[in-house]
Amino acid sequence: MPVLTVSERLALKARAHQLKPTVMIGNAGLTESVLREIEQTLKLHELIKIRAMAERPEREAILSEICAKLNAEPVQHIGKILVVFKPNPEVNKIEIRQMPRHKGKKPLTKKQLGNR
């Protein structure tokens, strides 16, 4: 699976902002049943939030393990929330569009910079 570009990752972060965590990883850690649940949820929704109740190094290991075993892409890791994306060609719910580029202004002249 190709790695997400920065603009694709930003677009997915924006879409994930409104989502609620659908899977919770408790004290037992990442078990096979939790991994199957994550896989089923990814097939349906393509982009999911996961709440992990573990310490930071463990959460990073959990995120990398989920992505490695399910062939998914990590989108974001903030606090105890992990955001994972795996495109499903059958469902194809999420269309990743490029973020609109800022129609930049002309660069400031030396005179304008001097007035600041």
C-alpha atoms as a PDB file:
ATOM      1  CA  MET A   1       0.000   0.000   0.000  1.00  0.00           C
ATOM      2  CA  PRO A   2       1.450   3.374  -0.931  1.00  0.00           C
ATOM      3  CA  VAL A   3       2.325   5.801   1.807  1.00  0.00           C
ATOM      4  CA  LEU A   4      -0.035   8.764   2.195  1.00  0.00           C
ATOM      5  CA  THR A   5       1.202  12.136   1.055  1.00  0.00           C
ATOM      6  CA  VAL A   6       1.117  15.121   3.373  1.00  0.00           C
ATOM      7  CA  SER A   7      -1.921  16.657   1.667  1.00  0.00           C
ATOM      8  CA  GLU A   8      -3.807  13.340   1.769  1.00  0.00           C
ATOM      9  CA  ARG A   9      -2.980  12.935   5.453  1.00  0.00           C
ATOM     10  CA  LEU A  10      -4.236  16.480   6.152  1.00  0.00           C
ATOM     11  CA  ALA A  11      -7.485  15.759   4.319  1.00  0.00           C
ATOM     12  CA  LEU A  12      -7.985  12.548   6.322  1.00  0.00           C
ATOM     13  CA  LYS A  13      -7.240  14.350   9.604  1.00  0.00           C
ATOM     14  CA  ALA A  14      -9.929  16.883   8.742  1.00  0.00           C
ATOM     15  CA  ARG A  15     -12.446  14.110   8.044  1.00  0.00           C
ATOM     16  CA  ALA A  16     -11.499  12.222  11.209  1.00  0.00           C
ATOM     17  CA  HIS A  17     -11.978  15.260  13.425  1.00  0.00           C
ATOM     18  CA  GLN A  18     -15.742  14.743  13.657  1.00  0.00           C
ATOM     19  CA  LEU A  19     -15.556  10.962  14.194  1.00  0.00           C
ATOM     20  CA  LYS A  20     -15.999   9.278  17.547  1.00  0.00           C
ATOM     21  CA  PRO A  21     -13.762   6.339  18.572  1.00  0.00           C
ATOM     22  CA  THR A  22     -15.315   3.108  17.304  1.00  0.00           C
ATOM     23  CA  VAL A  23     -12.913   0.609  18.882  1.00  0.00           C
ATOM     24  CA  MET A  24     -11.398   0.667  22.359  1.00  0.00           C
ATOM     25  CA  ILE A  25      -8.227  -1.148  23.354  1.00  0.00           C
ATOM     26  CA  GLY A  26      -8.283  -1.855  27.095  1.00  0.00           C
ATOM     27  CA  ASN A  27      -5.811  -3.179  29.628  1.00  0.00           C
ATOM     28  CA  ALA A  28      -5.449  -6.520  27.826  1.00  0.00           C
ATOM     29  CA  GLY A  29      -3.796  -4.723  24.900  1.00  0.00           C
ATOM     30  CA  LEU A  30      -4.133  -5.614  21.253  1.00  0.00           C
ATOM     31  CA  THR A  31      -5.699  -9.072  21.253  1.00  0.00           C
ATOM     32  CA  GLU A  32      -6.768 -11.090  18.228  1.00  0.00           C
ATOM     33  CA  SER A  33     -10.438 -10.309  18.824  1.00  0.00           C
ATOM     34  CA  VAL A  34      -9.722  -6.557  18.993  1.00  0.00           C
ATOM     35  CA  LEU A  35      -7.654  -6.827  15.814  1.00  0.00           C
ATOM     36  CA  ARG A  36     -10.543  -8.608  14.041  1.00  0.00           C
ATOM     37  CA  GLU A  37     -12.941  -5.894  15.217  1.00  0.00           C
ATOM     38  CA  ILE A  38     -10.619  -3.187  13.881  1.00  0.00           C
ATOM     39  CA  GLU A  39     -10.373  -5.022  10.553  1.00  0.00           C
ATOM     40  CA  GLN A  40     -14.169  -5.310  10.230  1.00  0.00           C
ATOM     41  CA  THR A  41     -14.667  -1.655  11.134  1.00  0.00           C
ATOM     42  CA  LEU A  42     -12.025  -0.574   8.620  1.00  0.00           C
ATOM     43  CA  LYS A  43     -13.822  -2.545   5.890  1.00  0.00           C
ATOM     44  CA  LEU A  44     -17.036  -0.669   6.617  1.00  0.00           C
ATOM     45  CA  HIS A  45     -15.790   2.835   7.314  1.00  0.00           C
ATOM     46  CA  GLU A  46     -12.238   3.021   5.836  1.00  0.00           C
ATOM     47  CA  LEU A  47     -11.264   5.717   8.374  1.00  0.00           C
ATOM     48  CA  ILE A  48     -11.622   5.009  12.093  1.00  0.00           C
ATOM     49  CA  LYS A  49     -10.611   6.314  15.483  1.00  0.00           C
ATOM     50  CA  ILE A  50      -9.313   3.930  18.123  1.00  0.00           C
ATOM     51  CA  ARG A  51      -9.037   4.738  21.825  1.00  0.00           C
ATOM     52  CA  ALA A  52      -6.068   2.967  23.442  1.00  0.00           C
ATOM     53  CA  MET A  53      -5.777   2.811  27.236  1.00  0.00           C
ATOM     54  CA  ALA A  54      -2.023   2.306  27.473  1.00  0.00           C
ATOM     55  CA  GLU A  55       1.138   4.321  28.021  1.00  0.00           C
ATOM     56  CA  ARG A  56       2.571   6.336  25.128  1.00  0.00           C
ATOM     57  CA  PRO A  57       5.325   3.884  24.032  1.00  0.00           C
ATOM     58  CA  GLU A  58       2.789   1.046  24.085  1.00  0.00           C
ATOM     59  CA  ARG A  59       0.298   3.104  22.022  1.00  0.00           C
ATOM     60  CA  GLU A  60       2.958   3.773  19.387  1.00  0.00           C
ATOM     61  CA  ALA A  61       3.736   0.040  19.249  1.00  0.00           C
ATOM     62  CA  ILE A  62       0.021  -0.769  19.014  1.00  0.00           C
ATOM     63  CA  LEU A  63      -0.434   1.696  16.133  1.00  0.00           C
ATOM     64  CA  SER A  64       2.508   0.280  14.188  1.00  0.00           C
ATOM     65  CA  GLU A  65       1.323  -3.291  14.827  1.00  0.00           C
ATOM     66  CA  ILE A  66      -2.213  -2.503  13.636  1.00  0.00           C
ATOM     67  CA  CYS A  67      -0.883  -0.912  10.473  1.00  0.00           C
ATOM     68  CA  ALA A  68       1.546  -3.754   9.790  1.00  0.00           C
ATOM     69  CA  LYS A  69      -0.931  -6.589  10.338  1.00  0.00           C
ATOM     70  CA  LEU A  70      -3.895  -4.987   8.548  1.00  0.00           C
ATOM     71  CA  ASN A  71      -1.947  -3.228   5.779  1.00  0.00           C
ATOM     72  CA  ALA A  72      -3.405   0.114   6.874  1.00  0.00           C
ATOM     73  CA  GLU A  73      -1.961   3.621   7.064  1.00  0.00           C
ATOM     74  CA  PRO A  74      -1.523   5.595  10.283  1.00  0.00           C
ATOM     75  CA  VAL A  75      -3.075   9.044   9.977  1.00  0.00           C
ATOM     76  CA  GLN A  76      -2.744  10.549  13.415  1.00  0.00           C
ATOM     77  CA  HIS A  77      -1.799   9.786  17.029  1.00  0.00           C
ATOM     78  CA  ILE A  78      -2.963  12.375  19.532  1.00  0.00           C
ATOM     79  CA  GLY A  79      -3.088  11.442  23.186  1.00  0.00           C
ATOM     80  CA  LYS A  80      -4.960   8.185  23.570  1.00  0.00           C
ATOM     81  CA  ILE A  81      -6.635   8.446  20.154  1.00  0.00           C
ATOM     82  CA  LEU A  82      -5.240   6.632  17.106  1.00  0.00           C
ATOM     83  CA  VAL A  83      -6.583   7.353  13.622  1.00  0.00           C
ATOM     84  CA  VAL A  84      -6.137   4.645  10.976  1.00  0.00           C
ATOM     85  CA  PHE A  85      -7.051   4.577   7.272  1.00  0.00           C
ATOM     86  CA  LYS A  86      -7.385   1.619   4.929  1.00  0.00           C
ATOM     87  CA  PRO A  87      -9.035   2.146   1.548  1.00  0.00           C
ATOM     88  CA  ASN A  88     -11.629  -0.409   0.523  1.00  0.00           C
ATOM     89  CA  PRO A  89     -12.212  -0.503  -3.252  1.00  0.00           C
ATOM     90  CA  GLU A  90     -15.601  -2.194  -2.815  1.00  0.00           C
ATOM     91  CA  VAL A  91     -17.008   0.476  -0.512  1.00  0.00           C
ATOM     92  CA  ASN A  92     -14.921   3.453  -1.626  1.00  0.00           C
ATOM     93  CA  LYS A  93     -16.670   5.842   0.759  1.00  0.00           C
ATOM     94  CA  ILE A  94     -13.801   8.261   1.180  1.00  0.00           C
ATOM     95  CA  GLU A  95     -12.435  10.121  -1.766  1.00  0.00           C
ATOM     96  CA  ILE A  96      -9.194  11.827  -0.854  1.00  0.00           C
ATOM     97  CA  ARG A  97      -9.072  15.208  -2.471  1.00  0.00           C
ATOM     98  CA  GLN A  98      -6.138  17.535  -2.488  1.00  0.00           C
ATOM     99  CA  MET A  99      -6.390  20.344   0.020  1.00  0.00           C
ATOM    100  CA  PRO A 100      -6.934  23.672  -1.741  1.00  0.00           C
ATOM    101  CA  ARG A 101      -3.745  25.633  -2.002  1.00  0.00           C
ATOM    102  CA  HIS A 102      -3.661  29.135  -0.710  1.00  0.00           C
ATOM    103  CA  LYS A 103      -3.716  31.528  -3.596  1.00  0.00           C
ATOM    104  CA  GLY A 104      -0.679  33.317  -2.312  1.00  0.00           C
ATOM    105  CA  LYS A 105      -0.124  36.997  -2.585  1.00  0.00           C
ATOM    106  CA  LYS A 106       2.893  38.522  -4.174  1.00  0.00           C
ATOM    107  CA  PRO A 107       5.973  38.566  -1.978  1.00  0.00           C
ATOM    108  CA  LEU A 108       6.568  41.739  -0.014  1.00  0.00           C
ATOM    109  CA  THR A 109       8.943  44.289  -1.437  1.00  0.00           C
ATOM    110  CA  LYS A 110      11.952  45.628   0.464  1.00  0.00           C
ATOM    111  CA  LYS A 111      10.067  48.842   1.208  1.00  0.00           C
ATOM    112  CA  GLN A 112       7.082  46.946   2.597  1.00  0.00           C
ATOM    113  CA  LEU A 113       9.387  44.767   4.721  1.00  0.00           C
ATOM    114  CA  GLY A 114      11.126  47.864   6.055  1.00  0.00           C
ATOM    115  CA  ASN A 115       7.803  49.366   7.175  1.00  0.00           C
ATOM    116  CA  ARG A 116       7.086  46.339   9.382  1.00  0.00           C
END
